[in-house]
């Protein structure tokens, strides 16, 4: 029984780790002459090349949305890392951001 439980826990851990083949290694909010933007780095943890869209959402101090961008990374080789930057915007009051990695449709079609 203990071996079965350990096997199940191992499977769940593997499934959760492999569910996100591309990860955000680092990200930061930057301010420059052109405005505010997000810069970061992605890593492809899978054994095949991947395409991914990085969705950036900007928020004010109260958590209200101020804008969004989508950055298309066309091909990230297996095991590779890549830098990304959102385009600079002149948006007043940006205090925070969130990132969402869109890896395309899942096997269920949504």
Protein backbone atom coordinates (compact mmCIF):
# COMPACT_ATOMS: atom_id res chain seq x y z
CA UNK A 1 0.00 0.00 0.00
CA UNK A 2 2.84 2.38 0.87
CA UNK A 3 4.55 1.65 -2.46
CA UNK A 4 1.34 2.38 -4.35
CA UNK A 5 0.91 5.69 -2.51
CA UNK A 6 4.52 6.68 -3.23
CA UNK A 7 4.06 5.80 -6.91
CA UNK A 8 0.90 7.91 -7.11
CA UNK A 9 2.62 10.89 -5.46
CA UNK A 10 5.52 10.55 -7.90
CA UNK A 11 3.14 10.45 -10.87
CA UNK A 12 1.26 13.54 -9.69
CA UNK A 13 4.55 15.42 -9.19
CA UNK A 14 5.73 14.47 -12.67
CA UNK A 15 2.38 15.44 -14.23
CA UNK A 16 2.43 18.84 -12.53
CA UNK A 17 6.04 19.52 -13.55
CA UNK A 18 5.49 18.52 -17.17
CA UNK A 19 2.22 20.47 -17.43
CA UNK A 20 4.18 23.71 -17.89
CA UNK A 21 6.95 22.97 -20.42
CA UNK A 22 7.96 26.65 -20.69
CA UNK A 23 8.58 28.66 -17.54
CA UNK A 24 9.32 32.28 -16.69
CA UNK A 25 12.79 32.33 -15.14
CA UNK A 26 12.77 36.04 -14.32
CA UNK A 27 10.65 39.12 -14.93
CA UNK A 28 10.71 42.75 -13.88
CA UNK A 29 8.88 46.01 -14.47
CA UNK A 30 11.13 48.57 -16.17
CA UNK A 31 10.75 52.28 -16.76
CA UNK A 32 12.62 54.07 -19.51
CA UNK A 33 12.44 57.08 -21.80
CA UNK A 34 9.89 55.25 -23.98
CA UNK A 35 7.62 54.42 -21.05
CA UNK A 36 6.95 51.37 -18.90
CA UNK A 37 7.56 47.79 -20.07
CA UNK A 38 8.17 44.28 -18.74
CA UNK A 39 11.44 42.44 -19.39
CA UNK A 40 12.16 38.83 -18.57
CA UNK A 41 13.55 35.44 -19.51
CA UNK A 42 11.84 32.19 -20.52
CA UNK A 43 13.17 28.61 -20.35
CA UNK A 44 11.93 25.65 -22.38
CA UNK A 45 12.07 22.64 -20.04
CA UNK A 46 10.71 20.21 -22.62
CA UNK A 47 12.57 18.00 -25.06
CA UNK A 48 11.12 19.70 -28.15
CA UNK A 49 10.94 23.19 -29.61
CA UNK A 50 7.94 25.24 -28.44
CA UNK A 51 6.05 28.33 -29.49
CA UNK A 52 4.49 30.37 -26.70
CA UNK A 53 2.64 33.66 -26.30
CA UNK A 54 3.56 35.74 -23.25
CA UNK A 55 0.58 37.79 -22.11
CA UNK A 56 1.50 40.81 -19.98
CA UNK A 57 -1.18 42.60 -17.93
CA UNK A 58 -0.48 45.97 -16.27
CA UNK A 59 -2.17 47.10 -13.02
CA UNK A 60 -2.32 50.22 -10.86
CA UNK A 61 -1.75 50.27 -7.08
CA UNK A 62 -5.38 49.25 -6.47
CA UNK A 63 -5.14 46.24 -8.79
CA UNK A 64 -7.21 47.79 -11.57
CA UNK A 65 -6.16 46.73 -15.08
CA UNK A 66 -4.49 49.43 -17.17
CA UNK A 67 -3.53 47.54 -20.33
CA UNK A 68 -2.17 44.35 -21.81
CA UNK A 69 0.29 43.07 -24.41
CA UNK A 70 0.93 39.73 -26.11
CA UNK A 71 4.47 38.82 -27.11
CA UNK A 72 4.75 35.92 -29.56
CA UNK A 73 7.82 33.71 -29.12
CA UNK A 74 7.74 31.75 -32.37
CA UNK A 75 10.30 29.05 -31.62
CA UNK A 76 12.08 28.31 -28.37
CA UNK A 77 14.44 25.36 -28.84
CA UNK A 78 14.41 22.44 -26.41
CA UNK A 79 16.33 23.37 -23.24
CA UNK A 80 16.94 26.93 -24.46
CA UNK A 81 16.34 30.25 -22.74
CA UNK A 82 15.17 33.46 -24.40
CA UNK A 83 14.78 37.07 -23.29
CA UNK A 84 11.54 38.92 -23.89
CA UNK A 85 10.45 42.57 -23.65
CA UNK A 86 6.98 44.01 -23.97
CA UNK A 87 6.70 47.19 -26.03
CA UNK A 88 7.06 50.39 -23.97
CA UNK A 89 3.85 52.24 -23.12
CA UNK A 90 3.12 55.66 -21.71
CA UNK A 91 0.61 54.44 -19.12
CA UNK A 92 0.33 56.48 -15.93
CA UNK A 93 0.11 54.70 -12.60
CA UNK A 94 1.52 51.26 -13.47
CA UNK A 95 2.63 49.65 -10.21
CA UNK A 96 2.40 45.91 -10.93
CA UNK A 97 2.02 43.34 -13.69
CA UNK A 98 1.15 39.70 -14.24
CA UNK A 99 2.30 37.20 -16.84
CA UNK A 100 0.40 34.35 -18.47
CA UNK A 101 2.05 31.82 -20.79
CA UNK A 102 -0.25 30.60 -23.53
CA UNK A 103 1.09 27.32 -24.93
CA UNK A 104 -1.80 26.86 -27.35
CA UNK A 105 -4.75 24.53 -27.19
CA UNK A 106 -4.77 21.59 -24.82
CA UNK A 107 -5.58 18.04 -26.00
CA UNK A 108 -9.26 18.71 -25.29
CA UNK A 109 -9.43 21.55 -27.81
CA UNK A 110 -9.84 24.52 -25.48
